[in-house]
Amino acid sequence: MATEVSQVSGLELHVAAHSEGTEYGDFDVSFHNKNGDIVHSEILSCSTAEHNQCSLKSEI
């Protein structure tokens, strides 16, 4: 999982792969507030067959 914190908004961006060690497939993308609560979440779907074309699918 990768995490990045915005110095402006204080939100944390979390990205986690559904399968470890892969560059394609589905990734969970979520923004967390300072309390650790998820304020927005999407699934990033990347296809190796389409030259790593990715699309977002809203969860919240």
N, C-alpha and C. Protein backbone atom coordinates (compact mmCIF):
# COMPACT_ATOMS: atom_id res chain seq x y z
N MET A 1 0.84 -1.17 0.00
CA MET A 1 0.00 0.00 0.00
C MET A 1 0.89 1.24 0.00
N ALA A 2 0.46 2.25 -0.74
CA ALA A 2 1.17 3.53 -0.76
C ALA A 2 0.29 4.59 -0.11
N THR A 3 0.91 5.51 0.61
CA THR A 3 0.18 6.58 1.28
C THR A 3 0.86 7.91 1.02
N GLU A 4 0.06 8.93 0.75
CA GLU A 4 0.57 10.29 0.54
C GLU A 4 -0.32 11.24 1.32
N VAL A 5 0.26 12.22 2.04
CA VAL A 5 -0.50 13.17 2.83
C VAL A 5 -0.41 14.55 2.19
N SER A 6 -1.58 15.18 1.98
CA SER A 6 -1.63 16.53 1.43
C SER A 6 -1.33 17.53 2.54
N GLN A 7 -0.39 18.43 2.31
CA GLN A 7 -0.06 19.46 3.29
C GLN A 7 -1.13 20.55 3.33
N VAL A 8 -1.92 20.68 2.26
CA VAL A 8 -2.94 21.72 2.18
C VAL A 8 -4.23 21.28 2.86
N SER A 9 -4.77 20.13 2.47
CA SER A 9 -6.07 19.68 2.99
C SER A 9 -5.95 18.79 4.22
N GLY A 10 -4.79 18.19 4.42
CA GLY A 10 -4.62 17.26 5.53
C GLY A 10 -5.16 15.87 5.23
N LEU A 11 -5.68 15.66 4.02
CA LEU A 11 -6.20 14.34 3.65
C LEU A 11 -5.06 13.40 3.30
N GLU A 12 -5.25 12.12 3.60
CA GLU A 12 -4.29 11.09 3.21
C GLU A 12 -4.87 10.32 2.02
N LEU A 13 -4.03 10.10 1.01
CA LEU A 13 -4.40 9.28 -0.14
C LEU A 13 -3.80 7.90 0.07
N HIS A 14 -4.63 6.87 0.04
CA HIS A 14 -4.17 5.49 0.19
C HIS A 14 -4.44 4.75 -1.11
N VAL A 15 -3.45 4.01 -1.60
CA VAL A 15 -3.61 3.17 -2.79
C VAL A 15 -3.13 1.77 -2.44
N ALA A 16 -3.99 0.79 -2.64
CA ALA A 16 -3.64 -0.60 -2.34
C ALA A 16 -4.09 -1.50 -3.48
N ALA A 17 -3.19 -2.39 -3.91
CA ALA A 17 -3.52 -3.34 -4.98
C ALA A 17 -4.32 -4.50 -4.40
N HIS A 18 -5.27 -5.01 -5.20
CA HIS A 18 -6.02 -6.19 -4.79
C HIS A 18 -5.11 -7.41 -4.80
N SER A 19 -4.13 -7.44 -5.71
CA SER A 19 -3.14 -8.52 -5.77
C SER A 19 -1.76 -7.91 -5.63
N GLU A 20 -0.97 -8.38 -4.69
CA GLU A 20 0.36 -7.83 -4.45
C GLU A 20 1.31 -8.08 -5.62
N GLY A 21 2.19 -7.11 -5.89
CA GLY A 21 3.24 -7.26 -6.88
C GLY A 21 2.77 -7.21 -8.32
N THR A 22 1.69 -6.51 -8.58
CA THR A 22 1.18 -6.42 -9.95
C THR A 22 1.07 -4.97 -10.39
N GLU A 23 1.21 -4.73 -11.68
CA GLU A 23 1.09 -3.38 -12.24
C GLU A 23 -0.26 -3.19 -12.92
N TYR A 24 -1.09 -4.22 -12.94
CA TYR A 24 -2.41 -4.11 -13.54
C TYR A 24 -3.42 -4.83 -12.65
N GLY A 25 -4.69 -4.65 -12.94
CA GLY A 25 -5.74 -5.22 -12.11
C GLY A 25 -6.47 -4.11 -11.38
N ASP A 26 -7.06 -4.43 -10.24
CA ASP A 26 -7.84 -3.46 -9.48
C ASP A 26 -7.05 -2.93 -8.28
N PHE A 27 -7.17 -1.63 -8.06
CA PHE A 27 -6.52 -0.96 -6.94
C PHE A 27 -7.56 -0.18 -6.16
N ASP A 28 -7.52 -0.26 -4.83
CA ASP A 28 -8.38 0.55 -3.98
C ASP A 28 -7.72 1.91 -3.80
N VAL A 29 -8.45 2.98 -4.09
CA VAL A 29 -7.97 4.34 -3.93
C VAL A 29 -8.91 5.02 -2.95
N SER A 30 -8.38 5.54 -1.83
CA SER A 30 -9.25 6.17 -0.85
C SER A 30 -8.57 7.38 -0.22
N PHE A 31 -9.41 8.36 0.15
CA PHE A 31 -8.95 9.55 0.86
C PHE A 31 -9.45 9.46 2.29
N HIS A 32 -8.55 9.69 3.25
CA HIS A 32 -8.88 9.60 4.66
C HIS A 32 -8.67 10.97 5.32
N ASN A 33 -9.56 11.32 6.27
CA ASN A 33 -9.37 12.57 7.01
C ASN A 33 -8.38 12.35 8.15
N LYS A 34 -8.16 13.38 8.95
CA LYS A 34 -7.16 13.31 10.02
C LYS A 34 -7.51 12.27 11.09
N ASN A 35 -8.80 11.91 11.18
CA ASN A 35 -9.24 10.90 12.15
C ASN A 35 -9.11 9.48 11.60
N GLY A 36 -8.71 9.36 10.34
CA GLY A 36 -8.58 8.05 9.72
C GLY A 36 -9.84 7.56 9.03
N ASP A 37 -10.91 8.39 9.04
CA ASP A 37 -12.16 8.01 8.39
C ASP A 37 -12.04 8.17 6.88
N ILE A 38 -12.62 7.24 6.12
CA ILE A 38 -12.63 7.34 4.66
C ILE A 38 -13.67 8.38 4.25
N VAL A 39 -13.24 9.40 3.50
CA VAL A 39 -14.17 10.42 3.02
C VAL A 39 -14.51 10.23 1.55
N HIS A 40 -13.71 9.47 0.82
CA HIS A 40 -14.00 9.14 -0.58
C HIS A 40 -13.21 7.90 -0.97
N SER A 41 -13.85 7.04 -1.75
CA SER A 41 -13.21 5.79 -2.15
C SER A 41 -13.61 5.43 -3.57
N GLU A 42 -12.66 4.94 -4.35
CA GLU A 42 -12.91 4.48 -5.71
C GLU A 42 -12.04 3.27 -5.99
N ILE A 43 -12.41 2.52 -7.02
CA ILE A 43 -11.58 1.42 -7.50
C ILE A 43 -10.96 1.86 -8.82
N LEU A 44 -9.64 1.76 -8.91
CA LEU A 44 -8.91 2.05 -10.14
C LEU A 44 -8.64 0.72 -10.82
N SER A 45 -9.22 0.54 -12.01
CA SER A 45 -9.09 -0.72 -12.75
C SER A 45 -8.14 -0.51 -13.91
N CYS A 46 -7.01 -1.23 -13.93
CA CYS A 46 -6.01 -1.09 -14.99
C CYS A 46 -5.89 -2.39 -15.77
N SER A 47 -5.94 -2.28 -17.10
CA SER A 47 -5.90 -3.46 -17.96
C SER A 47 -4.57 -3.55 -18.69
N THR A 48 -3.91 -4.69 -18.60
CA THR A 48 -2.67 -4.91 -19.33
C THR A 48 -2.94 -5.10 -20.82
N ALA A 49 -4.12 -5.61 -21.16
CA ALA A 49 -4.46 -5.87 -22.56
C ALA A 49 -4.65 -4.57 -23.35
N GLU A 50 -4.95 -3.48 -22.65
CA GLU A 50 -5.18 -2.19 -23.30
C GLU A 50 -4.04 -1.23 -23.01
N HIS A 51 -2.82 -1.71 -22.95
CA HIS A 51 -1.62 -0.90 -22.70
C HIS A 51 -1.76 -0.09 -21.42
N ASN A 52 -2.16 -0.78 -20.36
CA ASN A 52 -2.33 -0.17 -19.03
C ASN A 52 -3.30 1.00 -19.01
N GLN A 53 -4.38 0.90 -19.78
CA GLN A 53 -5.45 1.88 -19.69
C GLN A 53 -6.17 1.67 -18.37
N CYS A 54 -6.44 2.76 -17.65
CA CYS A 54 -7.07 2.66 -16.34
C CYS A 54 -8.37 3.45 -16.31
N SER A 55 -9.32 2.99 -15.51
CA SER A 55 -10.58 3.70 -15.33
C SER A 55 -10.97 3.65 -13.86
N LEU A 56 -11.65 4.71 -13.40
CA LEU A 56 -12.09 4.80 -12.02
C LEU A 56 -13.54 4.35 -11.91
N LYS A 57 -13.85 3.64 -10.83
CA LYS A 57 -15.22 3.20 -10.54
C LYS A 57 -15.55 3.69 -9.14
N SER A 58 -16.49 4.64 -9.01
CA SER A 58 -16.82 5.21 -7.70
C SER A 58 -17.44 4.19 -6.77
N GLU A 59 -17.03 4.24 -5.51
CA GLU A 59 -17.57 3.38 -4.47
C GLU A 59 -18.49 4.18 -3.56
N ILE A 60 -18.14 5.44 -3.27
CA ILE A 60 -18.92 6.28 -2.35
C ILE A 60 -19.39 7.50 -3.11
